[in-house]
Amino acid sequence: MATKITVNNNGSLKIEGEFEIVDKNGDKYDLAGREVVGICRCGLSANKPFCDGSHKGNFDHEAIAFALPPKKA
């Protein structure tokens, strides 16, 4: 399955499919076989970069797709 990232309303980024997550040094996080994870967008998670649900009632964003402006040359 191709990697799919879903921007959830008022919450995390849901990543599913085949992927790996690495830190700034290129070291892989041990995902313990998970094929779906939530990545924190609110900054409140005690388990960053992963979502722990701390955003509930503290983060407001309606996820509606839009087109980015053209890339700069």
PDB file of N, CA and C in Angstrom:
ATOM      1  N   MET A   1       0.836  -1.182   0.000  1.00  0.00           N
ATOM      2  CA  MET A   1       0.000   0.000   0.000  1.00  0.00           C
ATOM      3  C   MET A   1       0.875   1.237   0.000  1.00  0.00           C
ATOM      4  N   ALA A   2       0.543   2.173  -0.842  1.00  0.00           N
ATOM      5  CA  ALA A   2       1.272   3.439  -0.883  1.00  0.00           C
ATOM      6  C   ALA A   2       1.032   4.212   0.406  1.00  0.00           C
ATOM      7  N   THR A   3       1.959   5.066   0.773  1.00  0.00           N
ATOM      8  CA  THR A   3       1.809   5.882   1.964  1.00  0.00           C
ATOM      9  C   THR A   3       0.698   6.897   1.752  1.00  0.00           C
ATOM     10  N   LYS A   4      -0.164   7.032   2.753  1.00  0.00           N
ATOM     11  CA  LYS A   4      -1.253   8.003   2.713  1.00  0.00           C
ATOM     12  C   LYS A   4      -1.180   8.820   4.001  1.00  0.00           C
ATOM     13  N   ILE A   5      -1.231  10.147   3.873  1.00  0.00           N
ATOM     14  CA  ILE A   5      -1.233  11.042   5.023  1.00  0.00           C
ATOM     15  C   ILE A   5      -2.553  11.793   5.022  1.00  0.00           C
ATOM     16  N   THR A   6      -3.289  11.679   6.123  1.00  0.00           N
ATOM     17  CA  THR A   6      -4.572  12.356   6.269  1.00  0.00           C
ATOM     18  C   THR A   6      -4.435  13.433   7.335  1.00  0.00           C
ATOM     19  N   VAL A   7      -4.818  14.664   6.980  1.00  0.00           N
ATOM     20  CA  VAL A   7      -4.824  15.763   7.934  1.00  0.00           C
ATOM     21  C   VAL A   7      -6.194  15.738   8.610  1.00  0.00           C
ATOM     22  N   ASN A   8      -6.228  15.371   9.871  1.00  0.00           N
ATOM     23  CA  ASN A   8      -7.484  15.278  10.609  1.00  0.00           C
ATOM     24  C   ASN A   8      -7.926  16.634  11.126  1.00  0.00           C
ATOM     25  N   ASN A   9      -9.240  16.887  11.099  1.00  0.00           N
ATOM     26  CA  ASN A   9      -9.773  18.096  11.722  1.00  0.00           C
ATOM     27  C   ASN A   9      -9.383  18.102  13.194  1.00  0.00           C
ATOM     28  N   ASN A  10      -8.919  19.250  13.677  1.00  0.00           N
ATOM     29  CA  ASN A  10      -8.647  19.445  15.101  1.00  0.00           C
ATOM     30  C   ASN A  10      -7.772  18.358  15.696  1.00  0.00           C
ATOM     31  N   GLY A  11      -6.822  17.844  14.929  1.00  0.00           N
ATOM     32  CA  GLY A  11      -6.014  16.763  15.468  1.00  0.00           C
ATOM     33  C   GLY A  11      -4.763  16.458  14.677  1.00  0.00           C
ATOM     34  N   SER A  12      -4.416  15.197  14.692  1.00  0.00           N
ATOM     35  CA  SER A  12      -3.130  14.706  14.205  1.00  0.00           C
ATOM     36  C   SER A  12      -3.067  14.537  12.697  1.00  0.00           C
ATOM     37  N   LEU A  13      -1.868  14.215  12.243  1.00  0.00           N
ATOM     38  CA  LEU A  13      -1.653  13.713  10.893  1.00  0.00           C
ATOM     39  C   LEU A  13      -1.665  12.193  10.995  1.00  0.00           C
ATOM     40  N   LYS A  14      -2.557  11.544  10.283  1.00  0.00           N
ATOM     41  CA  LYS A  14      -2.628  10.085  10.278  1.00  0.00           C
ATOM     42  C   LYS A  14      -1.799   9.586   9.106  1.00  0.00           C
ATOM     43  N   ILE A  15      -0.792   8.756   9.403  1.00  0.00           N
ATOM     44  CA  ILE A  15       0.077   8.196   8.370  1.00  0.00           C
ATOM     45  C   ILE A  15      -0.177   6.701   8.321  1.00  0.00           C
ATOM     46  N   GLU A  16      -0.456   6.198   7.120  1.00  0.00           N
ATOM     47  CA  GLU A  16      -0.710   4.770   6.970  1.00  0.00           C
ATOM     48  C   GLU A  16      -0.066   4.256   5.692  1.00  0.00           C
ATOM     49  N   GLY A  17       0.235   2.974   5.680  1.00  0.00           N
ATOM     50  CA  GLY A  17       0.875   2.351   4.532  1.00  0.00           C
ATOM     51  C   GLY A  17       2.296   1.952   4.863  1.00  0.00           C
ATOM     52  N   GLU A  18       3.160   2.008   3.858  1.00  0.00           N
ATOM     53  CA  GLU A  18       4.574   1.689   4.055  1.00  0.00           C
ATOM     54  C   GLU A  18       5.343   2.984   4.256  1.00  0.00           C
ATOM     55  N   PHE A  19       5.982   3.125   5.410  1.00  0.00           N
ATOM     56  CA  PHE A  19       6.725   4.344   5.718  1.00  0.00           C
ATOM     57  C   PHE A  19       7.720   4.054   6.830  1.00  0.00           C
ATOM     58  N   GLU A  20       8.656   4.969   7.000  1.00  0.00           N
ATOM     59  CA  GLU A  20       9.528   4.963   8.158  1.00  0.00           C
ATOM     60  C   GLU A  20       9.604   6.394   8.645  1.00  0.00           C
ATOM     61  N   ILE A  21       9.838   6.547   9.927  1.00  0.00           N
ATOM     62  CA  ILE A  21       9.970   7.870  10.525  1.00  0.00           C
ATOM     63  C   ILE A  21      11.350   7.930  11.156  1.00  0.00           C
ATOM     64  N   VAL A  22      12.096   8.985  10.829  1.00  0.00           N
ATOM     65  CA  VAL A  22      13.461   9.130  11.336  1.00  0.00           C
ATOM     66  C   VAL A  22      13.589  10.450  12.087  1.00  0.00           C
ATOM     67  N   ASP A  23      14.542  10.499  13.019  1.00  0.00           N
ATOM     68  CA  ASP A  23      14.805  11.736  13.751  1.00  0.00           C
ATOM     69  C   ASP A  23      15.782  12.603  12.953  1.00  0.00           C
ATOM     70  N   LYS A  24      16.186  13.721  13.531  1.00  0.00           N
ATOM     71  CA  LYS A  24      17.058  14.664  12.823  1.00  0.00           C
ATOM     72  C   LYS A  24      18.415  14.067  12.460  1.00  0.00           C
ATOM     73  N   ASN A  25      18.803  12.988  13.137  1.00  0.00           N
ATOM     74  CA  ASN A  25      20.080  12.329  12.845  1.00  0.00           C
ATOM     75  C   ASN A  25      19.932  11.179  11.850  1.00  0.00           C
ATOM     76  N   GLY A  26      18.703  10.938  11.402  1.00  0.00           N
ATOM     77  CA  GLY A  26      18.464   9.842  10.469  1.00  0.00           C
ATOM     78  C   GLY A  26      18.205   8.508  11.150  1.00  0.00           C
ATOM     79  N   ASP A  27      18.123   8.496  12.482  1.00  0.00           N
ATOM     80  CA  ASP A  27      17.849   7.260  13.218  1.00  0.00           C
ATOM     81  C   ASP A  27      16.359   6.966  13.177  1.00  0.00           C
ATOM     82  N   LYS A  28      16.006   5.705  12.908  1.00  0.00           N
ATOM     83  CA  LYS A  28      14.606   5.299  12.785  1.00  0.00           C
ATOM     84  C   LYS A  28      13.947   5.138  14.146  1.00  0.00           C
ATOM     85  N   TYR A  29      12.689   5.595  14.233  1.00  0.00           N
ATOM     86  CA  TYR A  29      11.850   5.294  15.393  1.00  0.00           C
ATOM     87  C   TYR A  29      11.403   3.841  15.271  1.00  0.00           C
ATOM     88  N   ASP A  30      11.366   3.123  16.381  1.00  0.00           N
ATOM     89  CA  ASP A  30      10.867   1.757  16.394  1.00  0.00           C
ATOM     90  C   ASP A  30       9.351   1.826  16.500  1.00  0.00           C
ATOM     91  N   LEU A  31       8.665   1.539  15.415  1.00  0.00           N
ATOM     92  CA  LEU A  31       7.208   1.638  15.358  1.00  0.00           C
ATOM     93  C   LEU A  31       6.520   0.347  15.784  1.00  0.00           C
ATOM     94  N   ALA A  32       7.285  -0.641  16.216  1.00  0.00           N
ATOM     95  CA  ALA A  32       6.744  -1.904  16.741  1.00  0.00           C
ATOM     96  C   ALA A  32       5.743  -2.546  15.786  1.00  0.00           C
ATOM     97  N   GLY A  33       6.035  -2.473  14.493  1.00  0.00           N
ATOM     98  CA  GLY A  33       5.195  -3.133  13.494  1.00  0.00           C
ATOM     99  C   GLY A  33       3.952  -2.359  13.080  1.00  0.00           C
ATOM    100  N   ARG A  34       3.757  -1.168  13.598  1.00  0.00           N
ATOM    101  CA  ARG A  34       2.565  -0.390  13.248  1.00  0.00           C
ATOM    102  C   ARG A  34       2.596   0.022  11.782  1.00  0.00           C
ATOM    103  N   GLU A  35       1.430  -0.016  11.147  1.00  0.00           N
ATOM    104  CA  GLU A  35       1.267   0.457   9.777  1.00  0.00           C
ATOM    105  C   GLU A  35       0.430   1.724   9.731  1.00  0.00           C
ATOM    106  N   VAL A  36      -0.024   2.186  10.897  1.00  0.00           N
ATOM    107  CA  VAL A  36      -0.780   3.428  11.045  1.00  0.00           C
ATOM    108  C   VAL A  36      -0.298   4.117  12.319  1.00  0.00           C
ATOM    109  N   VAL A  37       0.060   5.396  12.214  1.00  0.00           N
ATOM    110  CA  VAL A  37       0.426   6.194  13.386  1.00  0.00           C
ATOM    111  C   VAL A  37      -0.185   7.584  13.245  1.00  0.00           C
ATOM    112  N   GLY A  38      -0.310   8.277  14.372  1.00  0.00           N
ATOM    113  CA  GLY A  38      -0.739   9.667  14.383  1.00  0.00           C
ATOM    114  C   GLY A  38       0.424  10.543  14.794  1.00  0.00           C
ATOM    115  N   ILE A  39       0.674  11.590  14.028  1.00  0.00           N
ATOM    116  CA  ILE A  39       1.748  12.541  14.318  1.00  0.00           C
ATOM    117  C   ILE A  39       1.133  13.817  14.886  1.00  0.00           C
ATOM    118  N   CYS A  40       1.674  14.295  15.988  1.00  0.00           N
ATOM    119  CA  CYS A  40       1.180  15.476  16.685  1.00  0.00           C
ATOM    120  C   CYS A  40       1.326  16.722  15.817  1.00  0.00           C
ATOM    121  N   ARG A  41       0.278  17.544  15.769  1.00  0.00           N
ATOM    122  CA  ARG A  41       0.339  18.860  15.115  1.00  0.00           C
ATOM    123  C   ARG A  41       0.179  19.992  16.109  1.00  0.00           C
ATOM    124  N   CYS A  42      -0.332  19.713  17.307  1.00  0.00           N
ATOM    125  CA  CYS A  42      -0.663  20.784  18.254  1.00  0.00           C
ATOM    126  C   CYS A  42       0.505  21.159  19.160  1.00  0.00           C
ATOM    127  N   GLY A  43       1.469  20.254  19.314  1.00  0.00           N
ATOM    128  CA  GLY A  43       2.610  20.509  20.187  1.00  0.00           C
ATOM    129  C   GLY A  43       2.370  20.159  21.647  1.00  0.00           C
ATOM    130  N   LEU A  44       1.191  19.623  21.983  1.00  0.00           N
ATOM    131  CA  LEU A  44       0.866  19.331  23.377  1.00  0.00           C
ATOM    132  C   LEU A  44       1.154  17.896  23.797  1.00  0.00           C
ATOM    133  N   SER A  45       1.433  17.005  22.862  1.00  0.00           N
ATOM    134  CA  SER A  45       1.637  15.594  23.171  1.00  0.00           C
ATOM    135  C   SER A  45       2.862  15.389  24.058  1.00  0.00           C
ATOM    136  N   ALA A  46       2.720  14.510  25.030  1.00  0.00           N
ATOM    137  CA  ALA A  46       3.861  14.121  25.858  1.00  0.00           C
ATOM    138  C   ALA A  46       4.683  13.050  25.163  1.00  0.00           C
ATOM    139  N   ASN A  47       4.224  12.594  24.022  1.00  0.00           N
ATOM    140  CA  ASN A  47       4.839  11.498  23.280  1.00  0.00           C
ATOM    141  C   ASN A  47       5.281  11.962  21.889  1.00  0.00           C
ATOM    142  N   LYS A  48       5.661  13.250  21.755  1.00  0.00           N
ATOM    143  CA  LYS A  48       6.058  13.788  20.454  1.00  0.00           C
ATOM    144  C   LYS A  48       7.180  12.967  19.836  1.00  0.00           C
ATOM    145  N   PRO A  49       7.174  12.715  18.554  1.00  0.00           N
ATOM    146  CA  PRO A  49       6.329  13.352  17.556  1.00  0.00           C
ATOM    147  C   PRO A  49       4.960  12.684  17.394  1.00  0.00           C
ATOM    148  N   PHE A  50       4.651  11.696  18.217  1.00  0.00           N
ATOM    149  CA  PHE A  50       3.408  10.949  18.063  1.00  0.00           C
ATOM    150  C   PHE A  50       2.283  11.591  18.864  1.00  0.00           C
ATOM    151  N   CYS A  51       1.068  11.471  18.364  1.00  0.00           N
ATOM    152  CA  CYS A  51      -0.108  12.038  19.004  1.00  0.00           C
ATOM    153  C   CYS A  51      -0.538  11.169  20.182  1.00  0.00           C
ATOM    154  N   ASP A  52      -0.881  11.822  21.305  1.00  0.00           N
ATOM    155  CA  ASP A  52      -1.420  11.088  22.457  1.00  0.00           C
ATOM    156  C   ASP A  52      -2.819  11.572  22.832  1.00  0.00           C
ATOM    157  N   GLY A  53      -3.429  12.392  21.965  1.00  0.00           N
ATOM    158  CA  GLY A  53      -4.782  12.877  22.200  1.00  0.00           C
ATOM    159  C   GLY A  53      -4.865  14.149  23.019  1.00  0.00           C
ATOM    160  N   SER A  54      -3.730  14.742  23.398  1.00  0.00           N
ATOM    161  CA  SER A  54      -3.725  15.956  24.224  1.00  0.00           C
ATOM    162  C   SER A  54      -4.379  17.150  23.530  1.00  0.00           C
ATOM    163  N   HIS A  55      -4.520  17.098  22.221  1.00  0.00           N
ATOM    164  CA  HIS A  55      -5.095  18.207  21.457  1.00  0.00           C
ATOM    165  C   HIS A  55      -6.586  18.404  21.714  1.00  0.00           C
ATOM    166  N   LYS A  56      -7.267  17.391  22.203  1.00  0.00           N
ATOM    167  CA  LYS A  56      -8.724  17.458  22.345  1.00  0.00           C
ATOM    168  C   LYS A  56      -9.140  18.687  23.159  1.00  0.00           C
ATOM    169  N   GLY A  57      -9.900  19.563  22.510  1.00  0.00           N
ATOM    170  CA  GLY A  57     -10.365  20.789  23.142  1.00  0.00           C
ATOM    171  C   GLY A  57      -9.338  21.903  23.190  1.00  0.00           C
ATOM    172  N   ASN A  58      -8.129  21.662  22.673  1.00  0.00           N
ATOM    173  CA  ASN A  58      -7.053  22.652  22.740  1.00  0.00           C
ATOM    174  C   ASN A  58      -6.473  23.036  21.388  1.00  0.00           C
ATOM    175  N   PHE A  59      -7.040  22.511  20.297  1.00  0.00           N
ATOM    176  CA  PHE A  59      -6.453  22.724  18.977  1.00  0.00           C
ATOM    177  C   PHE A  59      -7.583  22.816  17.982  1.00  0.00           C
ATOM    178  N   ASP A  60      -7.599  23.865  17.176  1.00  0.00           N
ATOM    179  CA  ASP A  60      -8.702  24.079  16.235  1.00  0.00           C
ATOM    180  C   ASP A  60      -8.145  24.257  14.832  1.00  0.00           C
ATOM    181  N   HIS A  61      -8.483  23.329  13.963  1.00  0.00           N
ATOM    182  CA  HIS A  61      -8.095  23.446  12.562  1.00  0.00           C
ATOM    183  C   HIS A  61      -9.015  22.585  11.722  1.00  0.00           C
ATOM    184  N   GLU A  62      -9.722  23.214  10.793  1.00  0.00           N
ATOM    185  CA  GLU A  62     -10.566  22.463   9.873  1.00  0.00           C
ATOM    186  C   GLU A  62      -9.715  22.088   8.669  1.00  0.00           C
ATOM    187  N   ALA A  63      -9.558  20.805   8.436  1.00  0.00           N
ATOM    188  CA  ALA A  63      -8.676  20.311   7.372  1.00  0.00           C
ATOM    189  C   ALA A  63      -9.424  20.290   6.037  1.00  0.00           C
ATOM    190  N   ILE A  64      -9.179  21.290   5.220  1.00  0.00           N
ATOM    191  CA  ILE A  64      -9.763  21.389   3.887  1.00  0.00           C
ATOM    192  C   ILE A  64      -8.604  21.515   2.888  1.00  0.00           C
ATOM    193  N   ALA A  65      -8.584  20.636   1.893  1.00  0.00           N
ATOM    194  CA  ALA A  65      -7.499  20.639   0.897  1.00  0.00           C
ATOM    195  C   ALA A  65      -7.535  21.914   0.045  1.00  0.00           C
ATOM    196  N   PHE A  66      -6.350  22.362  -0.355  1.00  0.00           N
ATOM    197  CA  PHE A  66      -6.221  23.519  -1.244  1.00  0.00           C
ATOM    198  C   PHE A  66      -4.955  23.338  -2.073  1.00  0.00           C
ATOM    199  N   ALA A  67      -4.830  24.139  -3.123  1.00  0.00           N
ATOM    200  CA  ALA A  67      -3.656  24.081  -3.998  1.00  0.00           C
ATOM    201  C   ALA A  67      -2.587  25.044  -3.490  1.00  0.00           C
ATOM    202  N   LEU A  68      -1.356  24.560  -3.431  1.00  0.00           N
ATOM    203  CA  LEU A  68      -0.219  25.429  -3.086  1.00  0.00           C
ATOM    204  C   LEU A  68       0.095  26.322  -4.271  1.00  0.00           C
ATOM    205  N   PRO A  69       0.715  27.484  -4.025  1.00  0.00           N
ATOM    206  CA  PRO A  69       1.147  28.317  -5.144  1.00  0.00           C
ATOM    207  C   PRO A  69       2.271  27.608  -5.914  1.00  0.00           C
ATOM    208  N   PRO A  70       2.511  28.023  -7.151  1.00  0.00           N
ATOM    209  CA  PRO A  70       3.578  27.383  -7.935  1.00  0.00           C
ATOM    210  C   PRO A  70       4.927  27.447  -7.215  1.00  0.00           C
ATOM    211  N   LYS A  71       5.764  26.424  -7.443  1.00  0.00           N
ATOM    212  CA  LYS A  71       7.116  26.412  -6.881  1.00  0.00           C
ATOM    213  C   LYS A  71       7.916  27.558  -7.444  1.00  0.00           C
ATOM    214  N   LYS A  72       8.780  28.126  -6.604  1.00  0.00           N
ATOM    215  CA  LYS A  72       9.669  29.191  -7.054  1.00  0.00           C
ATOM    216  C   LYS A  72      10.823  28.568  -7.818  1.00  0.00           C
ATOM    217  N   ALA A  73      11.259  29.248  -8.838  1.00  0.00           N
ATOM    218  CA  ALA A  73      12.336  28.739  -9.683  1.00  0.00           C
ATOM    219  C   ALA A  73      13.667  28.791  -9.014  1.00  0.00           C
TER     220      ALA A  73
END
